[in-house]
Protein backbone atom coordinates (compact mmCIF):
# COMPACT_ATOMS: atom_id res chain seq x y z
CA MET A 1 0.00 0.00 0.00
CA ARG A 2 2.88 2.39 0.82
CA LYS A 3 4.34 1.75 -2.63
CA ILE A 4 1.05 2.77 -4.31
CA HIS A 5 0.82 5.95 -2.17
CA GLY A 6 4.43 6.74 -3.09
CA ILE A 7 3.70 6.32 -6.80
CA ILE A 8 0.57 8.47 -6.56
CA ALA A 9 2.49 11.17 -4.66
CA ALA A 10 5.25 11.11 -7.31
CA VAL A 11 2.68 11.42 -10.14
CA VAL A 12 0.96 14.35 -8.36
CA VAL A 13 4.29 16.15 -7.80
CA LEU A 14 5.30 15.56 -11.44
CA GLY A 15 1.91 16.86 -12.61
CA ILE A 16 2.31 20.03 -10.54
CA GLN A 17 5.83 20.58 -11.87
CA LEU A 18 4.66 20.14 -15.48
CA ALA A 19 1.75 22.53 -14.94
CA GLU A 20 4.10 25.13 -13.43
CA ALA A 21 6.55 24.71 -16.31
CA GLN A 22 3.77 25.18 -18.87
CA SER A 23 2.41 28.24 -17.06
CA HIS A 24 5.75 30.03 -17.48
CA SER A 25 5.46 30.06 -21.29
CA LEU A 26 4.61 33.41 -22.84
CA LYS A 27 2.37 34.14 -25.80
CA VAL A 28 3.07 37.04 -28.16
CA VAL A 29 0.34 38.30 -30.51
CA LEU A 30 1.44 40.94 -33.02
CA ASN A 31 -0.76 43.78 -34.25
CA PRO A 32 -0.35 44.13 -38.06
CA ALA A 33 -1.75 47.69 -38.05
CA GLN A 34 1.02 48.82 -35.67
CA SER A 35 3.85 46.85 -37.28
CA GLN A 36 6.17 47.65 -40.18
CA VAL A 37 8.30 45.60 -42.55
CA ARG A 38 10.87 47.70 -44.43
CA TRP A 39 13.42 46.66 -47.04
CA LYS A 40 16.47 48.24 -48.72
CA LEU A 41 18.19 47.14 -51.90
CA GLY A 42 21.54 48.66 -52.81
CA ALA A 43 22.09 49.81 -56.41
CA ASP A 44 24.91 51.51 -58.38
CA LEU A 45 23.58 55.04 -58.08
CA HIS A 46 21.21 54.87 -55.13
CA LYS A 47 19.36 52.61 -52.71
CA VAL A 48 15.85 51.43 -53.36
CA ASP A 49 13.66 51.06 -50.32
CA GLY A 50 10.13 49.95 -49.69
CA THR A 51 7.71 48.13 -47.46
CA PHE A 52 5.65 44.98 -47.03
CA LYS A 53 2.63 44.50 -44.78
CA LEU A 54 2.55 42.14 -41.84
CA LYS A 55 -0.51 39.90 -42.18
CA SER A 56 -0.39 38.18 -38.78
CA GLY A 57 1.96 37.05 -36.07
CA GLU A 58 1.53 34.79 -33.08
CA PHE A 59 3.98 32.62 -31.22
CA VAL A 60 4.63 31.03 -27.84
CA PHE A 61 8.00 30.69 -26.14
CA ASP A 62 9.39 29.45 -22.86
CA PRO A 63 11.84 31.98 -21.36
CA ALA A 64 13.50 29.22 -19.31
CA THR A 65 14.41 27.02 -22.29
CA GLY A 66 14.04 29.44 -25.21
CA VAL A 67 11.91 26.91 -27.12
CA ALA A 68 9.45 28.72 -29.40
CA GLU A 69 6.75 27.89 -31.93
CA GLY A 70 4.34 29.88 -34.04
CA GLU A 71 4.33 31.99 -37.19
CA ILE A 72 4.99 35.55 -38.32
CA LEU A 73 3.33 36.01 -41.73
CA VAL A 74 4.07 38.77 -44.26
CA ASP A 75 1.92 39.35 -47.36
CA ALA A 76 4.41 39.24 -50.26
CA THR A 77 1.84 40.78 -52.64
CA THR A 78 1.93 44.07 -50.69
CA GLY A 79 5.58 44.85 -51.48
CA GLU A 80 6.08 48.33 -52.85
CA SER A 81 8.84 50.86 -53.43
CA GLY A 82 6.81 53.81 -54.70
CA ASN A 83 7.66 53.12 -58.37
CA PRO A 84 4.82 51.17 -60.07
CA ALA A 85 6.98 49.89 -62.98
CA ARG A 86 9.74 48.70 -60.64
CA ASP A 87 7.21 47.13 -58.27
CA LYS A 88 5.51 45.26 -61.12
CA ARG A 89 8.89 43.83 -62.16
CA MET A 90 9.71 42.91 -58.55
CA HIS A 91 6.42 41.00 -58.19
CA GLU A 92 6.42 39.33 -61.61
CA GLU A 93 10.11 38.49 -62.08
CA VAL A 94 11.78 38.34 -58.66
CA LEU A 95 9.27 37.47 -55.93
CA GLU A 96 6.73 35.83 -58.26
CA SER A 97 4.22 36.86 -55.62
CA ASN A 98 1.27 35.52 -57.63
CA ARG A 99 2.78 32.01 -57.10
CA TYR A 100 4.32 32.67 -53.67
CA PRO A 101 2.03 35.19 -51.90
CA ALA A 102 3.37 34.54 -48.40
CA MET A 103 6.68 35.04 -46.61
CA PHE A 104 6.83 33.67 -43.09
CA PHE A 105 9.11 33.02 -40.15
CA HIS A 106 8.66 30.04 -37.84
CA PRO A 107 10.63 30.68 -34.63
CA ALA A 108 12.19 27.63 -33.00
CA GLN A 109 14.50 29.13 -30.36
CA ILE A 110 14.81 32.47 -28.56
CA LYS A 111 18.37 32.85 -27.26
CA GLY A 112 19.17 35.16 -24.37
CA ALA A 113 17.64 35.65 -20.95
CA PHE A 114 14.24 37.25 -21.46
CA LYS A 115 13.11 38.92 -18.25
CA PRO A 116 9.47 40.09 -18.17
CA GLY A 117 9.26 43.64 -16.91
CA GLU A 118 12.77 44.62 -18.02
CA ALA A 119 12.36 47.58 -20.38
CA THR A 120 14.88 46.79 -23.17
CA GLN A 121 16.57 43.49 -23.94
CA GLN A 122 18.74 42.03 -26.70
CA LEU A 123 17.84 38.52 -27.84
CA GLN A 124 18.50 36.22 -30.81
CA ALA A 125 15.66 34.55 -32.70
CA GLN A 126 16.43 31.34 -34.56
CA GLY A 127 14.11 29.49 -36.89
CA SER A 128 13.00 28.92 -40.45
CA PHE A 129 12.25 31.73 -42.95
CA ASN A 130 10.18 30.86 -46.01
CA ILE A 131 10.35 33.04 -49.11
CA HIS A 132 9.68 32.19 -52.77
CA GLY A 133 8.33 28.83 -51.62
CA ALA A 134 11.50 27.60 -49.90
CA ASP A 135 12.59 27.34 -46.25
CA HIS A 136 15.91 28.82 -45.10
CA ALA A 137 17.54 28.66 -41.67
CA LEU A 138 17.68 32.14 -40.17
CA GLU A 139 19.10 33.64 -36.99
CA MET A 140 18.64 37.33 -36.27
CA PRO A 141 19.22 39.81 -33.45
CA VAL A 142 16.04 41.15 -31.88
CA LYS A 143 15.74 44.21 -29.65
CA VAL A 144 12.72 43.74 -27.37
CA GLU A 145 11.09 46.60 -25.48
CA THR A 146 8.27 45.92 -23.02
CA ALA A 147 5.89 48.17 -21.13
CA GLY A 148 3.28 46.27 -19.16
CA ASP A 149 1.76 43.75 -21.57
CA THR A 150 2.85 45.74 -24.66
CA VAL A 151 5.89 44.56 -26.59
CA THR A 152 7.86 46.09 -29.46
CA ALA A 153 10.41 43.88 -31.22
CA THR A 154 12.89 45.23 -33.78
CA ALA A 155 14.73 42.71 -35.95
CA ARG A 156 17.19 43.20 -38.80
CA PHE A 157 18.42 40.54 -41.18
CA THR A 158 19.71 40.03 -44.72
CA VAL A 159 18.00 38.03 -47.46
CA PRO A 160 20.51 36.80 -50.09
CA TYR A 161 17.68 36.50 -52.61
CA VAL A 162 19.85 35.55 -55.61
CA ALA A 163 21.62 32.78 -53.67
CA TRP A 164 18.15 31.63 -52.56
CA GLY A 165 17.02 31.10 -56.16
CA MET A 166 15.36 34.38 -57.13
CA LYS A 167 16.15 36.37 -60.23
CA ASN A 168 18.63 39.26 -60.11
CA PRO A 169 16.81 42.30 -61.57
CA SER A 170 20.06 44.03 -62.65
CA LYS A 171 20.09 45.54 -66.14
CA LEU A 172 22.96 46.45 -68.42
CA LEU A 173 23.37 49.96 -67.01
CA LEU A 174 21.89 49.44 -63.56
CA ARG A 175 23.42 46.91 -61.19
CA VAL A 176 21.71 46.06 -57.92
CA SER A 177 22.85 44.16 -54.86
CA LYS A 178 22.27 40.40 -54.63
CA GLN A 179 20.86 40.77 -51.13
CA VAL A 180 18.12 42.79 -49.47
CA GLU A 181 18.31 44.30 -45.99
CA ILE A 182 15.11 43.76 -43.98
CA GLU A 183 13.95 45.59 -40.85
CA VAL A 184 10.87 44.46 -38.96
CA ILE A 185 9.35 46.61 -36.22
CA ALA A 186 6.55 44.54 -34.72
CA LYS A 187 4.22 45.67 -31.97
CA GLY A 188 1.81 43.54 -30.01
CA THR A 189 0.93 42.08 -26.64
CA ILE A 190 2.72 39.59 -24.42
CA LYS A 191 1.02 37.52 -21.74
CA PRO A 192 1.25 34.13 -20.04
CA ALA A 193 0.33 31.31 -22.43
CA GLU A 194 -2.85 29.42 -21.58
């Protein structure tokens, strides 16, 4: 009988520990209307810059282990630089956004010690970035600012689009870089995961 009570006690303690571990996970929900995705492409005579729109973003992570899961989704069809002819070429020849309308990041690991309530923190996000229909491993620095349950995350990374299989839009007299610099400023809420 003592053995059974001991097993039951061990199961109860393990259950409590698992529940406590799960309750420490945090959920981040991004607000597309308050978020920005900017890009810059170097060229011979000038830089071309533009924007994309964030469609949605939601992920859960455990600050103790850094394990994360979820998705940050960008609408590839919304890319613009302010020049309709250049944007048409970008969508038709480079991004092929009619075939690949989504770009998304699936976080797998958040590196660094995230401390809720600390105003500004530097972290590293690691995961898989999908663009033009293909997944690519990606690790990027992320500056996180929190105020209550509001969070602002700023991330910068480089997309070597030519090496990743997209067409180089350079012309005879105009040469452009083979990589694009991306900056994401995402705002949302952070709270304990259910």
